[in-house]
Amino acid sequence: MVSRNHEEFEQPQTLSGDPEFQALRRVRRRTGLRLTLVAVGGFLLYVLLSSFTPGLMNSSVAGHLTLGLALGLGQFVLMAVVARRHVVHMRTHVDPVVRGLGYRLRRPPGENRQRPTGPTTAHRTQGQRTW
């Protein structure tokens, strides 16, 4: 049998109690909730207008284009804006914090707390995107 050192049996580092991780979860949850409410609210508004104001929705905007059809096509625009906003938010607010937390998690226990800077770090983080 091979004897093992006590250090090999230590529990893995956990970030669930880290204040930075908790803040990241709150920001992500709050932004997701807002974007979901915008998307669902836009769709619900369209459905309610279609149900309760058929005269308004059938009014002509230009030629054969009615207000209802224009608002229906606007749903695609709304979904594109919500998706784009989500991607931009993830890239600017969430991804950098996640990279920093990942670095701290992978750091050996005795290593200095300062994150190394220089061309190797900059090169390693370039090109890492959400999508």
Protein backbone atom coordinates (compact mmCIF):
# COMPACT_ATOMS: atom_id res chain seq x y z
CA MET A 1 0.00 0.00 0.00
CA VAL A 2 1.05 3.52 -0.73
CA SER A 3 0.91 5.93 2.15
CA ARG A 4 -0.70 9.24 1.36
CA ASN A 5 0.00 12.64 2.76
CA HIS A 6 -2.71 14.33 4.83
CA GLU A 7 -2.78 17.30 2.38
CA GLU A 8 -4.18 15.10 -0.39
CA PHE A 9 -7.35 14.51 1.64
CA GLU A 10 -8.21 18.19 2.20
CA GLN A 11 -11.63 19.35 1.12
CA PRO A 12 -11.71 21.18 -2.22
CA GLN A 13 -11.91 24.95 -2.08
CA THR A 14 -15.46 26.21 -2.12
CA LEU A 15 -16.58 29.66 -3.22
CA SER A 16 -20.21 29.48 -2.16
CA GLY A 17 -19.53 31.54 0.96
CA ASP A 18 -17.37 34.13 -0.81
CA PRO A 19 -19.01 37.60 -0.81
CA GLU A 20 -17.86 38.21 -4.39
CA PHE A 21 -19.54 34.97 -5.49
CA GLN A 22 -22.75 35.89 -3.65
CA ALA A 23 -22.77 39.33 -5.29
CA LEU A 24 -22.25 37.68 -8.67
CA ARG A 25 -25.24 35.41 -8.10
CA ARG A 26 -27.44 38.35 -7.04
CA VAL A 27 -26.49 40.43 -10.10
CA ARG A 28 -27.02 37.50 -12.45
CA ARG A 29 -30.38 36.62 -10.90
CA ARG A 30 -31.60 40.23 -10.87
CA THR A 31 -30.62 40.84 -14.50
CA GLY A 32 -32.17 37.57 -15.62
CA LEU A 33 -35.39 38.45 -13.84
CA ARG A 34 -35.53 41.91 -15.43
CA LEU A 35 -34.89 40.60 -18.93
CA THR A 36 -37.44 37.82 -18.48
CA LEU A 37 -40.05 40.32 -17.30
CA VAL A 38 -39.40 42.54 -20.33
CA ALA A 39 -39.75 39.60 -22.73
CA VAL A 40 -42.85 38.12 -21.10
CA GLY A 41 -44.36 41.56 -20.54
CA GLY A 42 -43.98 42.45 -24.21
CA PHE A 43 -45.62 39.22 -25.29
CA LEU A 44 -48.41 39.56 -22.73
CA LEU A 45 -49.09 43.14 -23.84
CA TYR A 46 -49.36 41.95 -27.45
CA VAL A 47 -51.77 39.15 -26.51
CA LEU A 48 -53.93 41.45 -24.36
CA LEU A 49 -54.10 44.11 -27.07
CA SER A 50 -55.04 41.44 -29.63
CA SER A 51 -57.78 40.10 -27.38
CA PHE A 52 -59.36 43.28 -26.06
CA THR A 53 -58.76 45.87 -28.80
CA PRO A 54 -59.30 44.13 -32.14
CA GLY A 55 -60.31 47.39 -33.82
CA LEU A 56 -57.04 49.04 -32.84
CA MET A 57 -54.97 46.01 -33.88
CA ASN A 58 -56.73 45.86 -37.28
CA SER A 59 -56.07 49.52 -38.05
CA SER A 60 -53.87 50.03 -41.08
CA VAL A 61 -50.39 51.45 -40.58
CA ALA A 62 -49.18 51.41 -44.19
CA GLY A 63 -50.84 49.58 -47.06
CA HIS A 64 -51.72 46.05 -45.92
CA LEU A 65 -49.60 46.35 -42.76
CA THR A 66 -51.83 46.50 -39.70
CA LEU A 67 -50.82 47.59 -36.22
CA GLY A 68 -51.31 44.00 -34.98
CA LEU A 69 -48.96 42.61 -37.63
CA ALA A 70 -46.39 45.32 -36.92
CA LEU A 71 -46.52 44.59 -33.18
CA GLY A 72 -46.31 40.85 -33.87
CA LEU A 73 -43.17 41.37 -35.93
CA GLY A 74 -41.92 43.64 -33.17
CA GLN A 75 -41.84 40.59 -30.90
CA PHE A 76 -38.86 39.31 -32.91
CA VAL A 77 -37.11 42.63 -32.43
CA LEU A 78 -37.87 42.58 -28.71
CA MET A 79 -36.44 39.05 -28.34
CA ALA A 80 -33.31 40.06 -30.27
CA VAL A 81 -32.81 43.09 -28.00
CA VAL A 82 -33.30 40.98 -24.86
CA ALA A 83 -30.86 38.31 -26.09
CA ARG A 84 -28.27 40.91 -27.08
CA ARG A 85 -28.59 42.70 -23.74
CA HIS A 86 -28.09 39.40 -21.93
CA VAL A 87 -24.92 38.62 -23.90
CA VAL A 88 -23.49 42.10 -23.33
CA HIS A 89 -24.28 41.92 -19.62
CA MET A 90 -22.59 38.52 -19.30
CA ARG A 91 -19.48 39.70 -21.15
CA THR A 92 -19.07 42.94 -19.24
CA HIS A 93 -20.24 42.11 -15.71
CA VAL A 94 -20.29 38.36 -15.14
CA ASP A 95 -17.45 36.82 -17.20
CA PRO A 96 -14.62 38.91 -15.69
CA VAL A 97 -15.74 38.07 -12.14
CA VAL A 98 -16.10 34.39 -13.02
CA ARG A 99 -12.58 34.33 -14.49
CA GLY A 100 -11.22 35.91 -11.32
CA LEU A 101 -13.05 33.45 -9.09
CA GLY A 102 -11.89 30.56 -11.25
CA TYR A 103 -8.32 31.74 -10.95
CA ARG A 104 -8.65 31.93 -7.17
CA LEU A 105 -10.16 28.44 -7.07
CA ARG A 106 -7.36 26.89 -9.16
CA ARG A 107 -4.58 28.73 -7.29
CA PRO A 108 -2.35 26.47 -5.19
CA PRO A 109 -2.86 27.01 -1.43
CA GLY A 110 0.52 28.66 -0.73
CA GLU A 111 0.57 30.96 -3.75
CA ASN A 112 0.58 34.74 -3.36
CA ARG A 113 -2.91 36.28 -3.35
CA GLN A 114 -2.06 38.81 -6.08
CA ARG A 115 -3.07 37.71 -9.54
CA PRO A 116 -0.03 37.66 -11.82
CA THR A 117 0.00 40.29 -14.54
CA GLY A 118 1.86 40.36 -17.77
CA PRO A 119 1.63 39.12 -21.32
CA THR A 120 0.85 35.50 -20.37
CA THR A 121 -2.25 36.46 -18.38
CA ALA A 122 -3.47 38.95 -20.98
CA HIS A 123 -2.98 36.43 -23.75
CA ARG A 124 -4.80 33.71 -21.83
CA THR A 125 -7.92 35.82 -21.20
CA GLN A 126 -8.28 37.20 -24.73
CA GLY A 127 -10.94 35.62 -26.86
CA GLN A 128 -12.88 34.00 -24.01
CA ARG A 129 -16.43 35.03 -24.68
CA THR A 130 -19.84 33.91 -23.52
CA TRP A 131 -20.90 32.95 -27.03
